[in-house]
Amino acid sequence: MIKKRLAQIDRRIARIKAELALIGDMRPGSLTKQYKNPAAGTGPYYQISYTLDMKSRTEYIRREFVGDVRRQISNYKRFKKLSVEWVALSIERSKLSMKLKQSE
């Protein structure tokens, strides 16, 4: 049973690695649409806010780059999700490997 689960974990980790290799440009943060005059809804602009190296940052994004930035944010979220799953599987694999060696 343990060996079967270890094989499943190894296959999933291999798929995660392959998916990570396909991720393109990425950046953290959230993109929001703001208005110079919010009451009237005029003067729209976009900004991205994120934290990097424990420093909060906000940058303006030109309208023509909004699609690219959204894809980059999506790629980053995918990267984070896959990384968290990989770490969780690695921890489980480590515990199972120790259990298997202990029972030998």
Protein backbone atom coordinates (compact mmCIF):
# COMPACT_ATOMS: atom_id res chain seq x y z
CA MET A 1 0.00 0.00 0.00
CA ILE A 2 2.79 2.42 0.89
CA LYS A 3 4.73 1.61 -2.28
CA LYS A 4 1.61 2.17 -4.39
CA ARG A 5 1.02 5.58 -2.78
CA LEU A 6 4.70 6.52 -3.26
CA ALA A 7 4.36 5.70 -6.96
CA GLN A 8 1.21 7.87 -7.18
CA ILE A 9 3.01 10.73 -5.48
CA ASP A 10 6.00 10.40 -7.81
CA ARG A 11 3.74 10.49 -10.87
CA ARG A 12 1.89 13.58 -9.61
CA ILE A 13 5.15 15.38 -8.78
CA ALA A 14 6.41 14.61 -12.30
CA ARG A 15 3.21 16.11 -13.77
CA ILE A 16 3.58 19.18 -11.55
CA LYS A 17 7.16 19.67 -12.72
CA ALA A 18 6.03 19.42 -16.34
CA GLU A 19 3.24 21.96 -15.75
CA LEU A 20 5.65 24.34 -14.01
CA ALA A 21 8.01 24.15 -16.98
CA LEU A 22 5.21 25.44 -19.24
CA ILE A 23 4.35 28.49 -17.15
CA GLY A 24 5.34 31.68 -18.91
CA ASP A 25 5.96 35.15 -17.55
CA MET A 26 4.44 35.78 -14.16
CA ARG A 27 4.08 38.43 -11.54
CA PRO A 28 2.34 38.58 -8.18
CA GLY A 29 -0.37 41.00 -7.24
CA SER A 30 -3.86 42.12 -7.97
CA LEU A 31 -4.90 44.36 -10.81
CA THR A 32 -7.63 46.89 -10.18
CA LYS A 33 -9.38 49.55 -12.22
CA GLN A 34 -9.41 52.93 -10.51
CA TYR A 35 -10.98 56.25 -11.45
CA LYS A 36 -9.59 59.75 -11.16
CA ASN A 37 -13.12 60.86 -10.39
CA PRO A 38 -14.82 57.86 -8.76
CA ALA A 39 -18.13 59.65 -8.20
CA ALA A 40 -18.52 60.35 -11.91
CA GLY A 41 -16.69 57.22 -13.06
CA THR A 42 -14.35 59.22 -15.29
CA GLY A 43 -10.65 58.98 -15.92
CA PRO A 44 -10.20 55.20 -15.59
CA TYR A 45 -6.73 53.75 -15.05
CA TYR A 46 -5.30 50.42 -13.91
CA GLN A 47 -2.89 49.67 -11.13
CA ILE A 48 -1.25 46.55 -9.79
CA SER A 49 -0.48 46.13 -6.11
CA TYR A 50 1.85 43.47 -4.76
CA THR A 51 4.35 42.69 -2.03
CA LEU A 52 7.90 41.63 -2.85
CA ASP A 53 10.77 41.30 -0.40
CA MET A 54 8.41 42.40 2.37
CA LYS A 55 7.79 45.73 0.61
CA SER A 56 4.40 46.74 -0.72
CA ARG A 57 4.41 48.18 -4.21
CA THR A 58 1.87 49.77 -6.51
CA GLU A 59 2.44 50.40 -10.20
CA TYR A 60 0.32 51.94 -12.91
CA ILE A 61 -0.45 49.73 -15.90
CA ARG A 62 -1.25 51.14 -19.32
CA ARG A 63 -4.51 49.96 -20.83
CA GLU A 64 -2.78 48.11 -23.70
CA PHE A 65 -0.84 45.94 -21.22
CA VAL A 66 -3.78 44.97 -18.99
CA GLY A 67 -4.33 41.65 -20.82
CA ASP A 68 -0.66 40.70 -20.51
CA VAL A 69 -0.56 41.59 -16.82
CA ARG A 70 -3.73 39.58 -16.16
CA ARG A 71 -2.12 36.53 -17.80
CA GLN A 72 1.05 37.04 -15.76
CA ILE A 73 -0.96 37.23 -12.53
CA SER A 74 -2.87 34.10 -13.53
CA ASN A 75 0.42 32.31 -14.26
CA TYR A 76 1.75 33.35 -10.86
CA LYS A 77 -1.35 32.02 -9.09
CA ARG A 78 -0.98 28.72 -10.98
CA PHE A 79 2.71 28.59 -10.02
CA LYS A 80 1.88 29.14 -6.34
CA LYS A 81 -0.86 26.50 -6.36
CA LEU A 82 1.37 23.91 -8.00
CA SER A 83 4.29 24.74 -5.69
CA VAL A 84 2.13 24.32 -2.58
CA GLU A 85 0.85 20.98 -3.88
CA TRP A 86 4.40 19.82 -4.68
CA VAL A 87 5.60 20.68 -1.16
CA ALA A 88 2.64 18.90 0.44
CA LEU A 89 3.26 15.80 -1.68
CA SER A 90 6.97 15.91 -0.86
CA ILE A 91 6.22 15.99 2.85
CA GLU A 92 3.83 13.06 2.51
CA ARG A 93 6.42 11.18 0.42
CA SER A 94 9.10 11.77 3.01
CA LYS A 95 6.90 10.46 5.82
CA LEU A 96 5.88 7.39 3.83
CA SER A 97 9.50 6.65 2.86
CA MET A 98 10.57 6.76 6.49
CA LYS A 99 7.65 4.53 7.46
CA LEU A 100 8.55 2.05 4.71
CA LYS A 101 12.21 1.91 5.77
CA GLN A 102 11.23 1.51 9.39
CA SER A 103 9.04 -1.50 8.60
CA GLU A 104 11.79 -3.29 6.61
